[in-house]
Amino acid sequence: MILAVDIGNTNIVLGVYRKRELLHHFRLSTARQSTADEYGVLIHNLFHMSNISFKDVEGVIISSVVPPLVQVIVEMCVRYIGKDPLLVGPGIKTGLNLRYENPREVGADRIVNAVAAVEQYKCPLVVVDFGTATTFDCIDAGANYLGGAIVPGLGISTEALYQRASKLPRIELEKPKKVIGRNTVHAMQAGIIFGYAGQVEGIVRRIKQEMNAPVLKVIATGGLATLIAGETDCIDEVNPMLTLEGLRIIYDRNQ
């Protein structure tokens, strides 16, 4: 078995693989103040409930966009699992041809998503990852990573309204029945959900024009992918496990 760990700004997602089969996956809140011992106990309990032992884990791979937590999770792996994890970063074999001006600037999560997408789908394609920030990653017909776009995520947009507009409440991210809200909560939900769907459609349309690729497969992933994918026809497929799959692929390529 191998353990794949994706450390995001909002959540830490873990996947336990036996060869190519994803046996279990877990989602934790990203807590920058937590210690290696706290994460060790929490993950141990999740494993125990799933009848998995730390002794069963033969290797660990980690991608992260939260630098302060990398050493914490590495320490947890060494102390509790007894493995020195593989870190996605400079020098690691990904098999991805990066056409970015400075490849070191590309987030680990974006690289991992692109690796999985190239492996599983026909190029050209775009990966839209709905996380704390929403990222658009473009891969051309030759499987070259070109770059993309980054926009504030749904959660950030919603929280900004609450914090910056005195009379607007904090709301749940739910799809309203109509775009014309008859109360403040429904009006905010309509603006955020339908407005965000329109933003995704606009960016994807411009990407297709710029890449000169009218037939371009669009893959969505991330915690809020399903919410937006249901409101637009520009997303061809939702793959919530894309990042974990990319980590598994990269781990195999480095053995």
C-alpha atoms as a PDB file:
ATOM      1  CA  MET A   1       0.000   0.000   0.000  1.00  0.00           C
ATOM      2  CA  ILE A   2       0.999   3.608  -0.509  1.00  0.00           C
ATOM      3  CA  LEU A   3      -0.382   6.735   1.145  1.00  0.00           C
ATOM      4  CA  ALA A   4      -0.987   9.805  -1.041  1.00  0.00           C
ATOM      5  CA  VAL A   5      -1.324  13.130   0.785  1.00  0.00           C
ATOM      6  CA  ASP A   6      -2.454  16.389  -0.816  1.00  0.00           C
ATOM      7  CA  ILE A   7      -2.084  19.376   1.546  1.00  0.00           C
ATOM      8  CA  GLY A   8      -4.360  22.190   0.427  1.00  0.00           C
ATOM      9  CA  ASN A   9      -5.179  25.536   1.980  1.00  0.00           C
ATOM     10  CA  THR A  10      -8.606  24.365   3.160  1.00  0.00           C
ATOM     11  CA  ASN A  11      -8.359  20.564   3.306  1.00  0.00           C
ATOM     12  CA  ILE A  12      -5.801  17.782   3.507  1.00  0.00           C
ATOM     13  CA  VAL A  13      -6.896  14.860   1.335  1.00  0.00           C
ATOM     14  CA  LEU A  14      -5.437  11.403   1.892  1.00  0.00           C
ATOM     15  CA  GLY A  15      -5.745   8.318  -0.284  1.00  0.00           C
ATOM     16  CA  VAL A  16      -4.649   4.763   0.460  1.00  0.00           C
ATOM     17  CA  TYR A  17      -3.751   2.741  -2.642  1.00  0.00           C
ATOM     18  CA  ARG A  18      -3.041  -0.914  -3.209  1.00  0.00           C
ATOM     19  CA  LYS A  19      -1.225  -0.804  -6.541  1.00  0.00           C
ATOM     20  CA  ARG A  20      -3.681   1.160  -8.760  1.00  0.00           C
ATOM     21  CA  GLU A  21      -6.754   0.631  -6.608  1.00  0.00           C
ATOM     22  CA  LEU A  22      -7.902   3.423  -4.309  1.00  0.00           C
ATOM     23  CA  LEU A  23      -8.994   1.580  -1.171  1.00  0.00           C
ATOM     24  CA  HIS A  24      -9.899   4.513   1.087  1.00  0.00           C
ATOM     25  CA  HIS A  25      -9.789   8.282   1.014  1.00  0.00           C
ATOM     26  CA  PHE A  26     -10.162  10.845   3.789  1.00  0.00           C
ATOM     27  CA  ARG A  27     -10.578  14.634   3.968  1.00  0.00           C
ATOM     28  CA  LEU A  28      -9.278  16.631   6.936  1.00  0.00           C
ATOM     29  CA  SER A  29      -9.407  20.338   7.734  1.00  0.00           C
ATOM     30  CA  THR A  30      -6.075  22.077   7.175  1.00  0.00           C
ATOM     31  CA  ALA A  31      -4.958  23.232  10.620  1.00  0.00           C
ATOM     32  CA  ARG A  32      -1.653  25.081  10.401  1.00  0.00           C
ATOM     33  CA  GLN A  33      -1.224  25.063  14.185  1.00  0.00           C
ATOM     34  CA  SER A  34      -1.567  21.279  14.551  1.00  0.00           C
ATOM     35  CA  THR A  35       1.498  19.218  15.424  1.00  0.00           C
ATOM     36  CA  ALA A  36       2.896  16.026  13.946  1.00  0.00           C
ATOM     37  CA  ASP A  37       1.567  14.112  16.963  1.00  0.00           C
ATOM     38  CA  GLU A  38      -1.949  15.513  16.516  1.00  0.00           C
ATOM     39  CA  TYR A  39      -2.037  14.568  12.845  1.00  0.00           C
ATOM     40  CA  GLY A  40      -0.551  11.174  13.690  1.00  0.00           C
ATOM     41  CA  VAL A  41      -3.319  10.394  16.179  1.00  0.00           C
ATOM     42  CA  LEU A  42      -6.043  11.651  13.840  1.00  0.00           C
ATOM     43  CA  ILE A  43      -4.828   9.665  10.830  1.00  0.00           C
ATOM     44  CA  HIS A  44      -4.214   6.592  12.988  1.00  0.00           C
ATOM     45  CA  ASN A  45      -7.848   6.694  14.117  1.00  0.00           C
ATOM     46  CA  LEU A  46      -9.093   7.016  10.544  1.00  0.00           C
ATOM     47  CA  PHE A  47      -6.922   4.088   9.503  1.00  0.00           C
ATOM     48  CA  HIS A  48      -8.117   2.011  12.469  1.00  0.00           C
ATOM     49  CA  MET A  49     -11.775   2.557  11.518  1.00  0.00           C
ATOM     50  CA  SER A  50     -10.942   1.399   7.991  1.00  0.00           C
ATOM     51  CA  ASN A  51      -9.013  -1.670   9.187  1.00  0.00           C
ATOM     52  CA  ILE A  52      -5.675  -0.320   7.939  1.00  0.00           C
ATOM     53  CA  SER A  53      -2.427  -0.429   9.871  1.00  0.00           C
ATOM     54  CA  PHE A  54       0.461   2.010   9.524  1.00  0.00           C
ATOM     55  CA  LYS A  55       2.621  -1.106   9.115  1.00  0.00           C
ATOM     56  CA  ASP A  56       0.812  -1.863   5.835  1.00  0.00           C
ATOM     57  CA  VAL A  57       2.034   1.391   4.244  1.00  0.00           C
ATOM     58  CA  GLU A  58       5.101   0.831   2.071  1.00  0.00           C
ATOM     59  CA  GLY A  59       5.546   4.414   0.886  1.00  0.00           C
ATOM     60  CA  VAL A  60       4.172   7.940   1.143  1.00  0.00           C
ATOM     61  CA  ILE A  61       3.988  10.779  -1.386  1.00  0.00           C
ATOM     62  CA  ILE A  62       3.049  14.360  -0.506  1.00  0.00           C
ATOM     63  CA  SER A  63       2.071  17.421  -2.515  1.00  0.00           C
ATOM     64  CA  SER A  64       1.517  20.711  -0.733  1.00  0.00           C
ATOM     65  CA  VAL A  65       0.628  24.353  -1.284  1.00  0.00           C
ATOM     66  CA  VAL A  66       1.016  25.097   2.442  1.00  0.00           C
ATOM     67  CA  PRO A  67       4.790  25.228   3.114  1.00  0.00           C
ATOM     68  CA  PRO A  68       4.548  25.449   6.953  1.00  0.00           C
ATOM     69  CA  LEU A  69       2.733  22.102   7.083  1.00  0.00           C
ATOM     70  CA  VAL A  70       5.139  20.117   4.918  1.00  0.00           C
ATOM     71  CA  GLN A  71       7.667  19.452   7.677  1.00  0.00           C
ATOM     72  CA  VAL A  72       4.843  18.673  10.127  1.00  0.00           C
ATOM     73  CA  ILE A  73       3.411  15.956   7.876  1.00  0.00           C
ATOM     74  CA  VAL A  74       6.886  14.652   6.982  1.00  0.00           C
ATOM     75  CA  GLU A  75       7.665  14.345  10.701  1.00  0.00           C
ATOM     76  CA  MET A  76       4.354  12.547  11.251  1.00  0.00           C
ATOM     77  CA  CYS A  77       5.174  10.053   8.475  1.00  0.00           C
ATOM     78  CA  VAL A  78       8.654   9.332   9.819  1.00  0.00           C
ATOM     79  CA  ARG A  79       7.548   9.045  13.441  1.00  0.00           C
ATOM     80  CA  TYR A  80       4.315   7.071  13.060  1.00  0.00           C
ATOM     81  CA  ILE A  81       4.519   5.304   9.696  1.00  0.00           C
ATOM     82  CA  GLY A  82       8.267   4.830   9.669  1.00  0.00           C
ATOM     83  CA  LYS A  83       8.627   6.125   6.097  1.00  0.00           C
ATOM     84  CA  ASP A  84      10.466   9.106   4.643  1.00  0.00           C
ATOM     85  CA  PRO A  85       7.918  10.518   2.179  1.00  0.00           C
ATOM     86  CA  LEU A  86       8.473  11.529  -1.428  1.00  0.00           C
ATOM     87  CA  LEU A  87       7.750  15.254  -1.947  1.00  0.00           C
ATOM     88  CA  VAL A  88       6.373  16.645  -5.203  1.00  0.00           C
ATOM     89  CA  GLY A  89       8.729  19.444  -6.149  1.00  0.00           C
ATOM     90  CA  PRO A  90      11.870  20.310  -8.121  1.00  0.00           C
ATOM     91  CA  GLY A  91      13.862  17.247  -9.131  1.00  0.00           C
ATOM     92  CA  ILE A  92      11.019  14.757  -8.961  1.00  0.00           C
ATOM     93  CA  LYS A  93      10.135  12.748 -12.078  1.00  0.00           C
ATOM     94  CA  THR A  94       6.641  13.664 -13.306  1.00  0.00           C
ATOM     95  CA  GLY A  95       6.833  12.870 -17.009  1.00  0.00           C
ATOM     96  CA  LEU A  96       5.206  16.265 -17.652  1.00  0.00           C
ATOM     97  CA  ASN A  97       6.718  18.706 -20.148  1.00  0.00           C
ATOM     98  CA  LEU A  98       6.361  22.134 -18.523  1.00  0.00           C
ATOM     99  CA  ARG A  99       6.221  25.097 -20.933  1.00  0.00           C
ATOM    100  CA  TYR A 100       5.961  27.581 -18.044  1.00  0.00           C
ATOM    101  CA  GLU A 101       8.332  30.575 -17.885  1.00  0.00           C
ATOM    102  CA  ASN A 102       9.510  29.484 -14.423  1.00  0.00           C
ATOM    103  CA  PRO A 103       8.527  25.856 -13.761  1.00  0.00           C
ATOM    104  CA  ARG A 104       9.369  26.243 -10.054  1.00  0.00           C
ATOM    105  CA  GLU A 105       6.436  28.644  -9.716  1.00  0.00           C
ATOM    106  CA  VAL A 106       3.841  26.027 -10.683  1.00  0.00           C
ATOM    107  CA  GLY A 107       1.971  24.757  -7.626  1.00  0.00           C
ATOM    108  CA  ALA A 108       2.437  21.092  -6.771  1.00  0.00           C
ATOM    109  CA  ASP A 109      -1.313  20.510  -6.944  1.00  0.00           C
ATOM    110  CA  ARG A 110      -1.459  21.876 -10.491  1.00  0.00           C
ATOM    111  CA  ILE A 111       1.374  19.603 -11.619  1.00  0.00           C
ATOM    112  CA  VAL A 112      -0.212  16.565  -9.998  1.00  0.00           C
ATOM    113  CA  ASN A 113      -3.600  17.284 -11.604  1.00  0.00           C
ATOM    114  CA  ALA A 114      -1.996  17.713 -15.028  1.00  0.00           C
ATOM    115  CA  VAL A 115      -0.082  14.436 -14.717  1.00  0.00           C
ATOM    116  CA  ALA A 116      -3.272  12.533 -13.893  1.00  0.00           C
ATOM    117  CA  ALA A 117      -5.264  14.233 -16.656  1.00  0.00           C
ATOM    118  CA  VAL A 118      -2.680  13.447 -19.351  1.00  0.00           C
ATOM    119  CA  GLU A 119      -2.590   9.827 -18.184  1.00  0.00           C
ATOM    120  CA  GLN A 120      -6.377   9.356 -18.109  1.00  0.00           C
ATOM    121  CA  TYR A 121      -7.758  11.570 -20.897  1.00  0.00           C
ATOM    122  CA  LYS A 122      -7.078  12.523 -24.486  1.00  0.00           C
ATOM    123  CA  CYS A 123      -5.275  15.821 -25.042  1.00  0.00           C
ATOM    124  CA  PRO A 124      -5.801  18.731 -25.520  1.00  0.00           C
ATOM    125  CA  LEU A 125      -7.583  19.391 -22.265  1.00  0.00           C
ATOM    126  CA  VAL A 126      -8.157  21.791 -19.393  1.00  0.00           C
ATOM    127  CA  VAL A 127      -8.255  20.876 -15.709  1.00  0.00           C
ATOM    128  CA  VAL A 128     -10.371  23.147 -13.515  1.00  0.00           C
ATOM    129  CA  ASP A 129      -9.651  22.625  -9.802  1.00  0.00           C
ATOM    130  CA  PHE A 130     -12.265  24.173  -7.519  1.00  0.00           C
ATOM    131  CA  GLY A 131     -10.343  24.655  -4.290  1.00  0.00           C
ATOM    132  CA  THR A 132      -9.525  27.619  -2.063  1.00  0.00           C
ATOM    133  CA  ALA A 133      -8.446  29.204  -5.346  1.00  0.00           C
ATOM    134  CA  THR A 134      -9.844  27.919  -8.635  1.00  0.00           C
ATOM    135  CA  THR A 135      -7.118  27.017 -11.113  1.00  0.00           C
ATOM    136  CA  PHE A 136      -7.348  26.403 -14.856  1.00  0.00           C
ATOM    137  CA  ASP A 137      -4.491  24.266 -16.232  1.00  0.00           C
ATOM    138  CA  CYS A 138      -4.051  23.882 -19.982  1.00  0.00           C
ATOM    139  CA  ILE A 139      -2.419  20.932 -21.743  1.00  0.00           C
ATOM    140  CA  ASP A 140      -2.029  21.003 -25.538  1.00  0.00           C
ATOM    141  CA  ALA A 141      -2.383  18.193 -28.077  1.00  0.00           C
ATOM    142  CA  GLY A 142       1.280  17.262 -27.560  1.00  0.00           C
ATOM    143  CA  ALA A 143       0.709  16.769 -23.806  1.00  0.00           C
ATOM    144  CA  ASN A 144       2.677  19.922 -22.982  1.00  0.00           C
ATOM    145  CA  TYR A 145       1.681  21.895 -19.893  1.00  0.00           C
ATOM    146  CA  LEU A 146       1.167  25.485 -21.071  1.00  0.00           C
ATOM    147  CA  GLY A 147       0.024  27.274 -17.913  1.00  0.00           C
ATOM    148  CA  GLY A 148      -3.407  28.626 -17.133  1.00  0.00           C
ATOM    149  CA  ALA A 149      -5.386  30.975 -14.924  1.00  0.00           C
ATOM    150  CA  ILE A 150      -5.986  31.413 -11.187  1.00  0.00           C
ATOM    151  CA  VAL A 151      -9.091  33.066  -9.723  1.00  0.00           C
ATOM    152  CA  PRO A 152     -10.458  33.443  -6.174  1.00  0.00           C
ATOM    153  CA  GLY A 153     -12.352  30.338  -5.082  1.00  0.00           C
ATOM    154  CA  LEU A 154     -16.043  30.143  -4.257  1.00  0.00           C
ATOM    155  CA  GLY A 155     -15.382  30.169  -0.531  1.00  0.00           C
ATOM    156  CA  ILE A 156     -13.143  33.234  -0.755  1.00  0.00           C
ATOM    157  CA  SER A 157     -15.721  35.086  -2.857  1.00  0.00           C
ATOM    158  CA  THR A 158     -18.522  34.269  -0.444  1.00  0.00           C
ATOM    159  CA  GLU A 159     -16.525  35.246   2.621  1.00  0.00           C
ATOM    160  CA  ALA A 160     -15.454  38.526   1.002  1.00  0.00           C
ATOM    161  CA  LEU A 161     -19.097  39.572   0.594  1.00  0.00           C
ATOM    162  CA  TYR A 162     -19.796  38.872   4.259  1.00  0.00           C
ATOM    163  CA  GLN A 163     -16.684  40.640   5.515  1.00  0.00           C
ATOM    164  CA  ARG A 164     -16.773  43.713   3.279  1.00  0.00           C
ATOM    165  CA  ALA A 165     -20.528  44.412   3.075  1.00  0.00           C
ATOM    166  CA  SER A 166     -21.858  45.280   6.538  1.00  0.00           C
ATOM    167  CA  LYS A 167     -25.477  44.211   6.015  1.00  0.00           C
ATOM    168  CA  LEU A 168     -24.850  40.974   4.126  1.00  0.00           C
ATOM    169  CA  PRO A 169     -24.922  37.729   6.149  1.00  0.00           C
ATOM    170  CA  ARG A 170     -22.605  34.728   6.004  1.00  0.00           C
ATOM    171  CA  ILE A 171     -24.353  32.104   3.841  1.00  0.00           C
ATOM    172  CA  GLU A 172     -24.119  28.454   2.882  1.00  0.00           C
ATOM    173  CA  LEU A 173     -22.936  27.629  -0.632  1.00  0.00           C
ATOM    174  CA  GLU A 174     -26.140  26.109  -2.000  1.00  0.00           C
ATOM    175  CA  LYS A 175     -27.804  26.365  -5.388  1.00  0.00           C
ATOM    176  CA  PRO A 176     -30.928  28.589  -5.237  1.00  0.00           C
ATOM    177  CA  LYS A 177     -34.063  27.608  -7.130  1.00  0.00           C
ATOM    178  CA  LYS A 178     -34.054  30.770  -9.244  1.00  0.00           C
ATOM    179  CA  VAL A 179     -31.579  33.405 -10.367  1.00  0.00           C
ATOM    180  CA  ILE A 180     -33.930  36.152  -9.155  1.00  0.00           C
ATOM    181  CA  GLY A 181     -33.600  35.883  -5.378  1.00  0.00           C
ATOM    182  CA  ARG A 182     -36.637  36.928  -3.339  1.00  0.00           C
ATOM    183  CA  ASN A 183     -34.576  37.405  -0.188  1.00  0.00           C
ATOM    184  CA  THR A 184     -31.001  38.432   0.606  1.00  0.00           C
ATOM    185  CA  VAL A 185     -29.660  34.906   1.156  1.00  0.00           C
ATOM    186  CA  HIS A 186     -31.121  33.584  -2.110  1.00  0.00           C
ATOM    187  CA  ALA A 187     -29.941  36.668  -3.979  1.00  0.00           C
ATOM    188  CA  MET A 188     -26.376  36.149  -2.718  1.00  0.00           C
ATOM    189  CA  GLN A 189     -26.466  32.450  -3.552  1.00  0.00           C
ATOM    190  CA  ALA A 190     -27.746  33.192  -7.055  1.00  0.00           C
ATOM    191  CA  GLY A 191     -25.053  35.767  -7.696  1.00  0.00           C
ATOM    192  CA  ILE A 192     -22.253  33.570  -6.395  1.00  0.00           C
ATOM    193  CA  ILE A 193     -23.257  30.220  -7.931  1.00  0.00           C
ATOM    194  CA  PHE A 194     -24.593  31.372 -11.303  1.00  0.00           C
ATOM    195  CA  GLY A 195     -22.043  34.172 -11.562  1.00  0.00           C
ATOM    196  CA  TYR A 196     -19.210  31.744 -10.888  1.00  0.00           C
ATOM    197  CA  ALA A 197     -20.551  29.327 -13.501  1.00  0.00           C
ATOM    198  CA  GLY A 198     -20.544  32.179 -15.996  1.00  0.00           C
ATOM    199  CA  GLN A 199     -16.963  33.046 -15.068  1.00  0.00           C
ATOM    200  CA  VAL A 200     -15.856  29.454 -15.689  1.00  0.00           C
ATOM    201  CA  GLU A 201     -17.634  29.420 -19.056  1.00  0.00           C
ATOM    202  CA  GLY A 202     -15.992  32.686 -20.074  1.00  0.00           C
ATOM    203  CA  ILE A 203     -12.472  31.579 -19.155  1.00  0.00           C
ATOM    204  CA  VAL A 204     -12.887  28.177 -20.847  1.00  0.00           C
ATOM    205  CA  ARG A 205     -14.195  29.873 -23.995  1.00  0.00           C
ATOM    206  CA  ARG A 206     -11.178  32.188 -24.118  1.00  0.00           C
ATOM    207  CA  ILE A 207      -8.801  29.254 -23.498  1.00  0.00           C
ATOM    208  CA  LYS A 208     -10.293  27.371 -26.453  1.00  0.00           C
ATOM    209  CA  GLN A 209      -9.828  30.422 -28.663  1.00  0.00           C
ATOM    210  CA  GLU A 210      -6.248  31.028 -27.518  1.00  0.00           C
ATOM    211  CA  MET A 211      -5.256  27.377 -27.907  1.00  0.00           C
ATOM    212  CA  ASN A 212      -7.131  27.170 -31.214  1.00  0.00           C
ATOM    213  CA  ALA A 213      -8.765  24.005 -29.884  1.00  0.00           C
ATOM    214  CA  PRO A 214     -12.560  24.100 -30.264  1.00  0.00           C
ATOM    215  CA  VAL A 215     -12.705  20.430 -29.249  1.00  0.00           C
ATOM    216  CA  LEU A 216     -11.142  20.615 -25.804  1.00  0.00           C
ATOM    217  CA  LYS A 217     -11.997  18.249 -22.965  1.00  0.00           C
ATOM    218  CA  VAL A 218     -12.648  20.051 -19.665  1.00  0.00           C
ATOM    219  CA  ILE A 219     -12.110  18.061 -16.456  1.00  0.00           C
ATOM    220  CA  ALA A 220     -13.268  19.436 -13.111  1.00  0.00           C
ATOM    221  CA  THR A 221     -11.943  18.388  -9.712  1.00  0.00           C
ATOM    222  CA  GLY A 222     -11.833  19.784  -6.186  1.00  0.00           C
ATOM    223  CA  GLY A 223     -14.295  19.967  -3.325  1.00  0.00           C
ATOM    224  CA  LEU A 224     -16.788  22.305  -5.027  1.00  0.00           C
ATOM    225  CA  ALA A 225     -16.547  20.915  -8.565  1.00  0.00           C
ATOM    226  CA  THR A 226     -19.925  19.165  -8.506  1.00  0.00           C
ATOM    227  CA  LEU A 227     -21.738  22.323  -7.403  1.00  0.00           C
ATOM    228  CA  ILE A 228     -20.565  24.359 -10.398  1.00  0.00           C
ATOM    229  CA  ALA A 229     -20.468  21.525 -12.940  1.00  0.00           C
ATOM    230  CA  GLY A 230     -24.217  21.137 -12.590  1.00  0.00           C
ATOM    231  CA  GLU A 231     -24.741  24.751 -13.677  1.00  0.00           C
ATOM    232  CA  THR A 232     -22.695  24.803 -16.877  1.00  0.00           C
ATOM    233  CA  ASP A 233     -22.329  22.648 -19.963  1.00  0.00           C
ATOM    234  CA  CYS A 234     -18.666  23.587 -20.516  1.00  0.00           C
ATOM    235  CA  ILE A 235     -17.429  20.927 -18.057  1.00  0.00           C
ATOM    236  CA  ASP A 236     -17.253  17.485 -19.640  1.00  0.00           C
ATOM    237  CA  GLU A 237     -16.419  15.380 -16.589  1.00  0.00           C
ATOM    238  CA  VAL A 238     -16.021  15.676 -12.823  1.00  0.00           C
ATOM    239  CA  ASN A 239     -13.199  13.592 -11.325  1.00  0.00           C
ATOM    240  CA  PRO A 240     -12.969  14.217  -7.560  1.00  0.00           C
ATOM    241  CA  MET A 241      -9.999  11.825  -7.190  1.00  0.00           C
ATOM    242  CA  LEU A 242      -7.848  13.368  -9.920  1.00  0.00           C
ATOM    243  CA  THR A 243      -5.218  14.764  -7.526  1.00  0.00           C
ATOM    244  CA  LEU A 244      -4.835  11.501  -5.624  1.00  0.00           C
ATOM    245  CA  GLU A 245      -4.500   9.635  -8.929  1.00  0.00           C
ATOM    246  CA  GLY A 246      -1.772  12.037  -9.999  1.00  0.00           C
ATOM    247  CA  LEU A 247       0.125  11.428  -6.773  1.00  0.00           C
ATOM    248  CA  ARG A 248      -0.078   7.663  -7.284  1.00  0.00           C
ATOM    249  CA  ILE A 249       1.210   8.005 -10.851  1.00  0.00           C
ATOM    250  CA  ILE A 250       4.130  10.213  -9.810  1.00  0.00           C
ATOM    251  CA  TYR A 251       5.018   7.832  -6.967  1.00  0.00           C
ATOM    252  CA  ASP A 252       5.161   4.915  -9.434  1.00  0.00           C
ATOM    253  CA  ARG A 253       7.338   6.916 -11.848  1.00  0.00           C
ATOM    254  CA  ASN A 254       9.893   7.562  -9.115  1.00  0.00           C
ATOM    255  CA  GLN A 255      10.353   3.943  -8.034  1.00  0.00           C
END
